Amino acid sequence: MLGHYTKSPFCSKALQRYDVLGNFAIDEEIILFIFSIFVTNNNNPTTNDFIFMARHNLLGALGEKAATEFLIKYGYTIRESNWRCDRLEIDIVAEHQNRLIIVEVKTRSSDFVLPTESVDRKKISNLVRAANAYIKMNNLPHEVQFDILTLVGTPENFEIEHIPDAFLPSLKTYR
């Protein structure tokens, strides 16, 4: 179990926290999430690579966890988190009011750069393609809505903004 190591060569300072007794602890769910991302993107991981990856992805992983909790609090049913199909990914797939909600989560430590600025035309196109694949694979008849959840700050004090119906998928024209 990853939960209570006193030292770990695979864990950066950013992942360290202390339990109620003052013992060093690691958030097992976050470590496994980050490690799964790392292993799928790197055929030959080293300790140094993993430490860099953990620091780089920790805020995003904590943001996605907070976003999931936020949606549940407001009555959304979470179907999937970090759903992948080839190189396409959906951060959160949820259901709410008989709609399938495709959620893109953007987390930043400061509002120097707005998180929504990183949801560009290519990202939207990939989300729409991923949503189409998800719908086809699961044979879902639901209406689809694309939302963006932005989280700014620290994990202890995220400012969360939910943008429902953030964009509509573009219609393709065929010649």
N, C-alpha and C. Protein backbone atom coordinates (compact mmCIF):
# COMPACT_ATOMS: atom_id res chain seq x y z
N MET A 1 0.84 -1.19 0.00
CA MET A 1 0.00 0.00 0.00
C MET A 1 0.87 1.24 0.00
N LEU A 2 0.52 2.24 -0.79
CA LEU A 2 1.30 3.47 -0.86
C LEU A 2 1.02 4.43 0.29
N GLY A 3 0.01 4.18 1.07
CA GLY A 3 -0.52 5.17 1.99
C GLY A 3 0.34 5.69 3.10
N HIS A 4 1.34 4.96 3.62
CA HIS A 4 2.01 5.46 4.82
C HIS A 4 3.51 5.28 4.80
N TYR A 5 4.17 5.53 3.72
CA TYR A 5 5.63 5.44 3.68
C TYR A 5 6.23 6.67 4.34
N THR A 6 7.38 6.47 5.00
CA THR A 6 8.04 7.63 5.58
C THR A 6 8.92 8.32 4.55
N LYS A 7 9.46 7.55 3.61
CA LYS A 7 10.26 8.13 2.54
C LYS A 7 9.93 7.36 1.27
N SER A 8 9.96 8.05 0.14
CA SER A 8 9.71 7.37 -1.11
C SER A 8 10.48 8.05 -2.22
N PRO A 9 11.29 7.32 -2.99
CA PRO A 9 12.01 7.94 -4.10
C PRO A 9 11.08 8.34 -5.24
N PHE A 10 9.82 7.86 -5.20
CA PHE A 10 8.88 8.15 -6.27
C PHE A 10 7.92 9.28 -5.93
N CYS A 11 8.19 10.00 -4.88
CA CYS A 11 7.24 11.01 -4.43
C CYS A 11 7.93 12.35 -4.23
N SER A 12 7.42 13.39 -4.87
CA SER A 12 7.99 14.72 -4.70
C SER A 12 7.46 15.36 -3.42
N LYS A 13 8.09 16.43 -3.01
CA LYS A 13 7.64 17.17 -1.83
C LYS A 13 6.20 17.64 -1.99
N ALA A 14 5.81 17.93 -3.22
CA ALA A 14 4.45 18.43 -3.46
C ALA A 14 3.39 17.41 -3.07
N LEU A 15 3.72 16.12 -3.11
CA LEU A 15 2.75 15.09 -2.79
C LEU A 15 2.71 14.75 -1.31
N GLN A 16 3.66 15.29 -0.54
CA GLN A 16 3.77 14.91 0.86
C GLN A 16 2.77 15.66 1.72
N ARG A 17 2.21 14.94 2.68
CA ARG A 17 1.34 15.55 3.68
C ARG A 17 1.50 14.72 4.94
N TYR A 18 0.97 15.19 6.02
CA TYR A 18 1.11 14.47 7.28
C TYR A 18 -0.27 14.11 7.81
N ASP A 19 -0.39 12.91 8.37
CA ASP A 19 -1.67 12.51 8.92
C ASP A 19 -1.85 13.09 10.32
N VAL A 20 -2.94 12.74 10.98
CA VAL A 20 -3.27 13.33 12.28
C VAL A 20 -2.19 13.08 13.33
N LEU A 21 -1.49 11.98 13.23
CA LEU A 21 -0.46 11.67 14.21
C LEU A 21 0.88 12.30 13.85
N GLY A 22 0.93 13.05 12.77
CA GLY A 22 2.18 13.68 12.36
C GLY A 22 3.06 12.78 11.51
N ASN A 23 2.56 11.62 11.13
CA ASN A 23 3.33 10.71 10.28
C ASN A 23 3.19 11.14 8.83
N PHE A 24 4.28 11.02 8.09
CA PHE A 24 4.27 11.34 6.67
C PHE A 24 3.31 10.40 5.96
N ALA A 25 2.48 10.94 5.09
CA ALA A 25 1.53 10.11 4.35
C ALA A 25 1.47 10.57 2.90
N ILE A 26 0.98 9.73 2.04
CA ILE A 26 0.84 10.04 0.62
C ILE A 26 -0.60 9.78 0.22
N ASP A 27 -1.16 10.67 -0.58
CA ASP A 27 -2.51 10.45 -1.08
C ASP A 27 -2.44 9.36 -2.15
N GLU A 28 -2.83 8.17 -1.78
CA GLU A 28 -2.69 7.00 -2.64
C GLU A 28 -3.41 7.17 -3.98
N GLU A 29 -4.60 7.72 -3.95
CA GLU A 29 -5.40 7.89 -5.17
C GLU A 29 -4.68 8.81 -6.16
N ILE A 30 -4.11 9.91 -5.66
CA ILE A 30 -3.40 10.85 -6.54
C ILE A 30 -2.14 10.21 -7.10
N ILE A 31 -1.38 9.51 -6.26
CA ILE A 31 -0.16 8.85 -6.73
C ILE A 31 -0.48 7.86 -7.84
N LEU A 32 -1.49 7.02 -7.64
CA LEU A 32 -1.84 6.03 -8.65
C LEU A 32 -2.31 6.69 -9.93
N PHE A 33 -3.09 7.78 -9.80
CA PHE A 33 -3.56 8.51 -10.97
C PHE A 33 -2.38 9.06 -11.77
N ILE A 34 -1.46 9.73 -11.08
CA ILE A 34 -0.31 10.33 -11.75
C ILE A 34 0.57 9.25 -12.36
N PHE A 35 0.78 8.16 -11.62
CA PHE A 35 1.63 7.10 -12.14
C PHE A 35 1.01 6.46 -13.37
N SER A 36 -0.31 6.30 -13.41
CA SER A 36 -0.95 5.71 -14.58
C SER A 36 -0.78 6.61 -15.80
N ILE A 37 -0.88 7.93 -15.60
CA ILE A 37 -0.65 8.86 -16.71
C ILE A 37 0.79 8.74 -17.18
N PHE A 38 1.71 8.69 -16.22
CA PHE A 38 3.13 8.67 -16.55
C PHE A 38 3.50 7.41 -17.32
N VAL A 39 3.06 6.26 -16.85
CA VAL A 39 3.43 5.00 -17.47
C VAL A 39 2.88 4.91 -18.89
N THR A 40 1.66 5.41 -19.12
CA THR A 40 1.10 5.34 -20.47
C THR A 40 1.79 6.29 -21.44
N ASN A 41 2.48 7.32 -20.92
CA ASN A 41 3.15 8.29 -21.78
C ASN A 41 4.65 8.08 -21.88
N ASN A 42 5.20 7.11 -21.15
CA ASN A 42 6.64 6.94 -21.12
C ASN A 42 6.94 5.44 -21.00
N ASN A 43 7.62 4.89 -22.02
CA ASN A 43 7.89 3.45 -22.02
C ASN A 43 8.94 3.03 -21.01
N ASN A 44 9.84 3.92 -20.62
CA ASN A 44 10.94 3.54 -19.74
C ASN A 44 11.10 4.59 -18.64
N PRO A 45 10.19 4.64 -17.67
CA PRO A 45 10.25 5.69 -16.65
C PRO A 45 11.42 5.53 -15.70
N THR A 46 12.00 6.66 -15.29
CA THR A 46 13.03 6.66 -14.26
C THR A 46 12.50 7.43 -13.07
N THR A 47 13.17 7.30 -11.94
CA THR A 47 12.74 8.00 -10.72
C THR A 47 12.70 9.51 -10.96
N ASN A 48 13.72 10.07 -11.60
CA ASN A 48 13.76 11.52 -11.83
C ASN A 48 12.62 11.97 -12.73
N ASP A 49 12.31 11.18 -13.76
CA ASP A 49 11.19 11.51 -14.64
C ASP A 49 9.88 11.52 -13.87
N PHE A 50 9.69 10.54 -12.99
CA PHE A 50 8.45 10.46 -12.23
C PHE A 50 8.29 11.63 -11.28
N ILE A 51 9.38 12.05 -10.63
CA ILE A 51 9.31 13.18 -9.71
C ILE A 51 8.91 14.43 -10.48
N PHE A 52 9.50 14.64 -11.67
CA PHE A 52 9.12 15.81 -12.48
C PHE A 52 7.66 15.71 -12.88
N MET A 53 7.22 14.55 -13.30
CA MET A 53 5.86 14.36 -13.74
C MET A 53 4.89 14.61 -12.59
N ALA A 54 5.21 14.13 -11.41
CA ALA A 54 4.33 14.30 -10.27
C ALA A 54 4.15 15.77 -9.93
N ARG A 55 5.21 16.53 -9.91
CA ARG A 55 5.10 17.97 -9.62
C ARG A 55 4.29 18.68 -10.68
N HIS A 56 4.48 18.28 -11.91
CA HIS A 56 3.81 18.94 -13.02
C HIS A 56 2.31 18.66 -13.03
N ASN A 57 1.91 17.46 -12.65
CA ASN A 57 0.51 17.06 -12.76
C ASN A 57 -0.28 17.09 -11.47
N LEU A 58 0.36 17.34 -10.34
CA LEU A 58 -0.33 17.26 -9.07
C LEU A 58 -1.49 18.25 -8.98
N LEU A 59 -1.27 19.51 -9.34
CA LEU A 59 -2.34 20.51 -9.24
C LEU A 59 -3.52 20.13 -10.12
N GLY A 60 -3.24 19.64 -11.32
CA GLY A 60 -4.32 19.22 -12.22
C GLY A 60 -5.11 18.04 -11.66
N ALA A 61 -4.40 17.08 -11.08
CA ALA A 61 -5.07 15.91 -10.50
C ALA A 61 -5.94 16.33 -9.32
N LEU A 62 -5.42 17.20 -8.48
CA LEU A 62 -6.21 17.68 -7.34
C LEU A 62 -7.40 18.53 -7.82
N GLY A 63 -7.19 19.27 -8.90
CA GLY A 63 -8.28 20.06 -9.48
C GLY A 63 -9.39 19.18 -10.02
N GLU A 64 -9.04 18.09 -10.69
CA GLU A 64 -10.05 17.18 -11.22
C GLU A 64 -10.81 16.49 -10.09
N LYS A 65 -10.11 16.18 -9.01
CA LYS A 65 -10.78 15.57 -7.86
C LYS A 65 -11.76 16.57 -7.24
N ALA A 66 -11.35 17.83 -7.09
CA ALA A 66 -12.23 18.86 -6.53
C ALA A 66 -13.41 19.13 -7.47
N ALA A 67 -13.16 19.10 -8.77
CA ALA A 67 -14.23 19.32 -9.75
C ALA A 67 -15.28 18.21 -9.66
N THR A 68 -14.83 16.99 -9.49
CA THR A 68 -15.76 15.86 -9.34
C THR A 68 -16.62 16.05 -8.10
N GLU A 69 -16.00 16.41 -7.00
CA GLU A 69 -16.74 16.64 -5.75
C GLU A 69 -17.74 17.79 -5.91
N PHE A 70 -17.34 18.84 -6.63
CA PHE A 70 -18.21 19.99 -6.88
C PHE A 70 -19.45 19.56 -7.65
N LEU A 71 -19.25 18.78 -8.71
CA LEU A 71 -20.38 18.33 -9.53
C LEU A 71 -21.32 17.43 -8.74
N ILE A 72 -20.77 16.53 -7.94
CA ILE A 72 -21.61 15.64 -7.13
C ILE A 72 -22.44 16.47 -6.15
N LYS A 73 -21.82 17.48 -5.57
CA LYS A 73 -22.51 18.36 -4.61
C LYS A 73 -23.74 19.02 -5.25
N TYR A 74 -23.65 19.33 -6.56
CA TYR A 74 -24.76 19.99 -7.24
C TYR A 74 -25.65 19.02 -8.02
N GLY A 75 -25.61 17.75 -7.65
CA GLY A 75 -26.58 16.80 -8.18
C GLY A 75 -26.20 16.08 -9.46
N TYR A 76 -24.97 16.20 -9.90
CA TYR A 76 -24.53 15.49 -11.10
C TYR A 76 -24.16 14.06 -10.73
N THR A 77 -24.42 13.15 -11.63
CA THR A 77 -24.00 11.76 -11.46
C THR A 77 -22.76 11.57 -12.32
N ILE A 78 -21.68 11.14 -11.71
CA ILE A 78 -20.42 10.96 -12.44
C ILE A 78 -20.42 9.57 -13.06
N ARG A 79 -20.28 9.54 -14.38
CA ARG A 79 -20.22 8.26 -15.11
C ARG A 79 -18.77 7.80 -15.26
N GLU A 80 -17.89 8.73 -15.59
CA GLU A 80 -16.48 8.39 -15.85
C GLU A 80 -15.60 9.58 -15.48
N SER A 81 -14.37 9.28 -15.12
CA SER A 81 -13.33 10.30 -14.94
C SER A 81 -12.14 9.89 -15.79
N ASN A 82 -11.55 10.85 -16.47
CA ASN A 82 -10.38 10.61 -17.31
C ASN A 82 -10.60 9.47 -18.31
N TRP A 83 -11.73 9.53 -19.00
CA TRP A 83 -12.07 8.53 -20.00
C TRP A 83 -11.20 8.74 -21.23
N ARG A 84 -10.62 7.67 -21.73
CA ARG A 84 -9.73 7.77 -22.89
C ARG A 84 -10.17 6.85 -24.02
N CYS A 85 -9.92 7.33 -25.21
CA CYS A 85 -10.10 6.53 -26.42
C CYS A 85 -8.97 6.95 -27.36
N ASP A 86 -8.02 6.06 -27.55
CA ASP A 86 -6.80 6.38 -28.28
C ASP A 86 -6.12 7.58 -27.62
N ARG A 87 -5.95 8.66 -28.33
CA ARG A 87 -5.30 9.84 -27.74
C ARG A 87 -6.31 10.91 -27.28
N LEU A 88 -7.57 10.58 -27.38
CA LEU A 88 -8.61 11.52 -26.94
C LEU A 88 -8.94 11.27 -25.48
N GLU A 89 -9.25 12.35 -24.74
CA GLU A 89 -9.59 12.19 -23.33
C GLU A 89 -10.71 13.14 -22.95
N ILE A 90 -11.57 12.66 -22.07
CA ILE A 90 -12.60 13.49 -21.45
C ILE A 90 -12.30 13.48 -19.96
N ASP A 91 -12.18 14.67 -19.37
CA ASP A 91 -11.86 14.76 -17.95
C ASP A 91 -12.96 14.14 -17.09
N ILE A 92 -14.20 14.57 -17.31
CA ILE A 92 -15.32 14.04 -16.54
C ILE A 92 -16.51 13.85 -17.48
N VAL A 93 -17.13 12.67 -17.38
CA VAL A 93 -18.40 12.41 -18.07
C VAL A 93 -19.44 12.28 -16.97
N ALA A 94 -20.46 13.12 -17.04
CA ALA A 94 -21.49 13.12 -16.00
C ALA A 94 -22.87 13.12 -16.64
N GLU A 95 -23.88 12.92 -15.79
CA GLU A 95 -25.27 13.03 -16.22
C GLU A 95 -25.96 14.01 -15.29
N HIS A 96 -26.82 14.84 -15.86
CA HIS A 96 -27.60 15.79 -15.07
C HIS A 96 -28.84 16.17 -15.87
N GLN A 97 -29.99 16.05 -15.24
CA GLN A 97 -31.26 16.39 -15.87
C GLN A 97 -31.42 15.75 -17.25
N ASN A 98 -31.16 14.45 -17.30
CA ASN A 98 -31.30 13.66 -18.51
C ASN A 98 -30.41 14.13 -19.66
N ARG A 99 -29.29 14.76 -19.32
CA ARG A 99 -28.31 15.16 -20.32
C ARG A 99 -26.98 14.51 -20.00
N LEU A 100 -26.23 14.21 -21.04
CA LEU A 100 -24.86 13.75 -20.88
C LEU A 100 -23.98 15.00 -20.86
N ILE A 101 -23.21 15.17 -19.79
CA ILE A 101 -22.38 16.37 -19.63
C ILE A 101 -20.92 15.97 -19.81
N ILE A 102 -20.29 16.58 -20.79
CA ILE A 102 -18.86 16.38 -21.04
C ILE A 102 -18.15 17.59 -20.42
N VAL A 103 -17.30 17.31 -19.42
CA VAL A 103 -16.70 18.41 -18.65
C VAL A 103 -15.20 18.46 -18.89
N GLU A 104 -14.71 19.62 -19.27
CA GLU A 104 -13.28 19.90 -19.37
C GLU A 104 -12.90 20.67 -18.11
N VAL A 105 -11.91 20.16 -17.40
CA VAL A 105 -11.46 20.79 -16.15
C VAL A 105 -10.14 21.49 -16.41
N LYS A 106 -10.07 22.75 -16.05
CA LYS A 106 -8.84 23.53 -16.19
C LYS A 106 -8.47 24.09 -14.83
N THR A 107 -7.27 23.76 -14.38
CA THR A 107 -6.80 24.17 -13.06
C THR A 107 -5.54 25.01 -13.21
N ARG A 108 -5.49 26.12 -12.49
CA ARG A 108 -4.31 27.00 -12.47
C ARG A 108 -4.05 27.44 -11.04
N SER A 109 -2.80 27.73 -10.75
CA SER A 109 -2.46 28.19 -9.40
C SER A 109 -2.74 29.68 -9.24
N SER A 110 -2.76 30.41 -10.34
CA SER A 110 -3.10 31.83 -10.26
C SER A 110 -3.92 32.21 -11.49
N ASP A 111 -4.57 33.36 -11.43
CA ASP A 111 -5.39 33.76 -12.57
C ASP A 111 -4.62 34.66 -13.53
N PHE A 112 -3.29 34.54 -13.52
CA PHE A 112 -2.47 35.30 -14.46
C PHE A 112 -2.86 34.96 -15.89
N VAL A 113 -3.05 33.67 -16.15
CA VAL A 113 -3.57 33.21 -17.43
C VAL A 113 -4.89 32.53 -17.13
N LEU A 114 -5.95 32.98 -17.75
CA LEU A 114 -7.26 32.40 -17.50
C LEU A 114 -7.29 30.95 -17.99
N PRO A 115 -7.80 30.06 -17.16
CA PRO A 115 -7.85 28.65 -17.57
C PRO A 115 -8.65 28.41 -18.84
N THR A 116 -9.69 29.21 -19.05
CA THR A 116 -10.52 28.99 -20.24
C THR A 116 -9.79 29.32 -21.54
N GLU A 117 -8.70 30.10 -21.45
CA GLU A 117 -7.94 30.45 -22.65
C GLU A 117 -7.28 29.24 -23.28
N SER A 118 -7.08 28.18 -22.50
CA SER A 118 -6.43 26.99 -23.04
C SER A 118 -7.42 26.04 -23.72
N VAL A 119 -8.71 26.38 -23.70
CA VAL A 119 -9.70 25.58 -24.42
C VAL A 119 -9.88 26.23 -25.79
N ASP A 120 -8.99 25.85 -26.70
CA ASP A 120 -8.99 26.44 -28.03
C ASP A 120 -9.77 25.56 -29.02
N ARG A 121 -9.73 25.93 -30.27
CA ARG A 121 -10.48 25.22 -31.31
C ARG A 121 -10.07 23.75 -31.40
N LYS A 122 -8.78 23.47 -31.29
CA LYS A 122 -8.30 22.08 -31.37
C LYS A 122 -8.79 21.26 -30.18
N LYS A 123 -8.76 21.85 -28.99
CA LYS A 123 -9.23 21.15 -27.79
C LYS A 123 -10.72 20.85 -27.91
N ILE A 124 -11.48 21.83 -28.39
CA ILE A 124 -12.92 21.63 -28.58
C ILE A 124 -13.17 20.51 -29.58
N SER A 125 -12.43 20.52 -30.68
CA SER A 125 -12.58 19.48 -31.70
C SER A 125 -12.28 18.10 -31.10
N ASN A 126 -11.23 18.00 -30.31
CA ASN A 126 -10.88 16.72 -29.68
C ASN A 126 -11.94 16.28 -28.67
N LEU A 127 -12.50 17.22 -27.92
CA LEU A 127 -13.55 16.89 -26.96
C LEU A 127 -14.80 16.37 -27.68
N VAL A 128 -15.15 17.01 -28.78
CA VAL A 128 -16.32 16.59 -29.55
C VAL A 128 -16.09 15.20 -30.13
N ARG A 129 -14.90 14.95 -30.66
CA ARG A 129 -14.58 13.62 -31.18
C ARG A 129 -14.62 12.57 -30.08
N ALA A 130 -14.08 12.91 -28.91
CA ALA A 130 -14.09 11.98 -27.77
C ALA A 130 -15.53 11.71 -27.32
N ALA A 131 -16.34 12.76 -27.27
CA ALA A 131 -17.74 12.61 -26.87
C ALA A 131 -18.48 11.70 -27.85
N ASN A 132 -18.26 11.90 -29.14
CA ASN A 132 -18.88 11.05 -30.15
C ASN A 132 -18.49 9.59 -29.95
N ALA A 133 -17.21 9.36 -29.68
CA ALA A 133 -16.74 7.99 -29.45
C ALA A 133 -17.39 7.41 -28.20
N TYR A 134 -17.48 8.19 -27.15
CA TYR A 134 -18.08 7.72 -25.90
C TYR A 134 -19.56 7.36 -26.10
N ILE A 135 -20.26 8.23 -26.80
CA ILE A 135 -21.69 8.00 -27.07
C ILE A 135 -21.89 6.73 -27.90
N LYS A 136 -21.07 6.56 -28.93
CA LYS A 136 -21.19 5.38 -29.79
C LYS A 136 -20.84 4.11 -29.03
N MET A 137 -19.78 4.16 -28.22
CA MET A 137 -19.35 2.96 -27.48
C MET A 137 -20.38 2.53 -26.43
N ASN A 138 -21.09 3.50 -25.87
CA ASN A 138 -22.06 3.20 -24.82
C ASN A 138 -23.50 3.24 -25.29
N ASN A 139 -23.71 3.52 -26.60
CA ASN A 139 -25.04 3.54 -27.20
C ASN A 139 -26.01 4.40 -26.37
N LEU A 140 -25.64 5.67 -26.19
CA LEU A 140 -26.42 6.57 -25.34
C LEU A 140 -27.34 7.47 -26.17
N PRO A 141 -28.59 7.60 -25.75
CA PRO A 141 -29.53 8.45 -26.48
C PRO A 141 -29.61 9.88 -25.92
N HIS A 142 -28.76 10.23 -24.98
CA HIS A 142 -28.88 11.51 -24.28
C HIS A 142 -28.51 12.71 -25.15
N GLU A 143 -29.10 13.84 -24.78
CA GLU A 143 -28.66 15.12 -25.33
C GLU A 143 -27.31 15.42 -24.68
N VAL A 144 -26.40 16.06 -25.42
CA VAL A 144 -25.04 16.29 -24.92
C VAL A 144 -24.81 17.77 -24.67
N GLN A 145 -24.13 18.04 -23.57
CA GLN A 145 -23.78 19.41 -23.19
C GLN A 145 -22.29 19.44 -22.85
N PHE A 146 -21.59 20.47 -23.30
CA PHE A 146 -20.16 20.62 -23.03
C PHE A 146 -19.96 21.74 -22.02
N ASP A 147 -19.40 21.39 -20.86
CA ASP A 147 -19.16 22.36 -19.79
C ASP A 147 -17.66 22.51 -19.55
N ILE A 148 -17.31 23.65 -18.98
CA ILE A 148 -15.93 23.86 -18.53
C ILE A 148 -15.99 24.21 -17.05
N LEU A 149 -15.13 23.57 -16.29
CA LEU A 149 -14.97 23.91 -14.87
C LEU A 149 -13.56 24.47 -14.71
N THR A 150 -13.46 25.69 -14.22
CA THR A 150 -12.15 26.28 -13.97
C THR A 150 -11.90 26.34 -12.48
N LEU A 151 -10.70 25.99 -12.09
CA LEU A 151 -10.29 26.03 -10.69
C LEU A 151 -9.01 26.86 -10.61
N VAL A 152 -9.04 27.89 -9.78
CA VAL A 152 -7.87 28.75 -9.62
C VAL A 152 -7.53 28.82 -8.14
N GLY A 153 -6.25 28.66 -7.84
CA GLY A 153 -5.80 28.77 -6.46
C GLY A 153 -5.07 27.53 -6.01
N THR A 154 -5.18 27.25 -4.72
CA THR A 154 -4.53 26.09 -4.13
C THR A 154 -5.60 25.04 -3.82
N PRO A 155 -5.19 23.78 -3.68
CA PRO A 155 -6.18 22.73 -3.40
C PRO A 155 -7.00 22.99 -2.14
N GLU A 156 -6.43 23.68 -1.17
CA GLU A 156 -7.18 23.97 0.06
C GLU A 156 -8.21 25.07 -0.15
N ASN A 157 -8.03 25.87 -1.20
CA ASN A 157 -8.88 27.05 -1.37
C ASN A 157 -9.12 27.36 -2.86
N PHE A 158 -9.59 26.39 -3.61
CA PHE A 158 -9.86 26.62 -5.03
C PHE A 158 -11.05 27.56 -5.20
N GLU A 159 -10.94 28.49 -6.13
CA GLU A 159 -12.10 29.25 -6.60
C GLU A 159 -12.60 28.48 -7.82
N ILE A 160 -13.84 28.03 -7.76
CA ILE A 160 -14.38 27.19 -8.83
C ILE A 160 -15.43 27.97 -9.61
N GLU A 161 -15.27 27.96 -10.92
CA GLU A 161 -16.27 28.56 -11.80
C GLU A 161 -16.77 27.49 -12.75
N HIS A 162 -18.08 27.32 -12.80
CA HIS A 162 -18.70 26.33 -13.68
C HIS A 162 -19.33 27.07 -14.85
N ILE A 163 -18.93 26.71 -16.05
CA ILE A 163 -19.48 27.33 -17.25
C ILE A 163 -20.28 26.26 -18.00
N PRO A 164 -21.61 26.20 -17.73
CA PRO A 164 -22.42 25.21 -18.44
C PRO A 164 -22.63 25.63 -19.90
N ASP A 165 -22.79 24.65 -20.77
CA ASP A 165 -22.96 24.93 -22.20
C ASP A 165 -21.90 25.91 -22.70
N ALA A 166 -20.65 25.63 -22.37
CA ALA A 166 -19.54 26.54 -22.68
C ALA A 166 -19.34 26.73 -24.18
N PHE A 167 -19.64 25.69 -24.94
CA PHE A 167 -19.53 25.80 -26.40
C PHE A 167 -20.43 24.76 -27.04
N LEU A 168 -20.75 25.00 -28.28
CA LEU A 168 -21.52 24.05 -29.07
C LEU A 168 -20.59 23.42 -30.09
N PRO A 169 -20.72 22.14 -30.34
CA PRO A 169 -19.86 21.52 -31.35
C PRO A 169 -20.15 22.11 -32.72
N SER A 170 -19.08 22.32 -33.48
CA SER A 170 -19.28 22.88 -34.81
C SER A 170 -19.86 21.82 -35.73
N LEU A 171 -20.63 22.29 -36.68
CA LEU A 171 -21.21 21.37 -37.67
C LEU A 171 -20.21 21.22 -38.81
N LYS A 172 -19.95 19.99 -39.20
CA LYS A 172 -19.05 19.74 -40.31
C LYS A 172 -19.85 19.78 -41.60
N THR A 173 -19.25 20.34 -42.61
CA THR A 173 -19.88 20.31 -43.94
C THR A 173 -19.04 19.40 -44.82
N TYR A 174 -19.69 18.58 -45.57
CA TYR A 174 -19.01 17.63 -46.44
C TYR A 174 -19.29 18.01 -47.89
N ARG A 175 -18.28 17.88 -48.68
CA ARG A 175 -18.44 18.19 -50.11
C ARG A 175 -18.34 16.94 -50.92
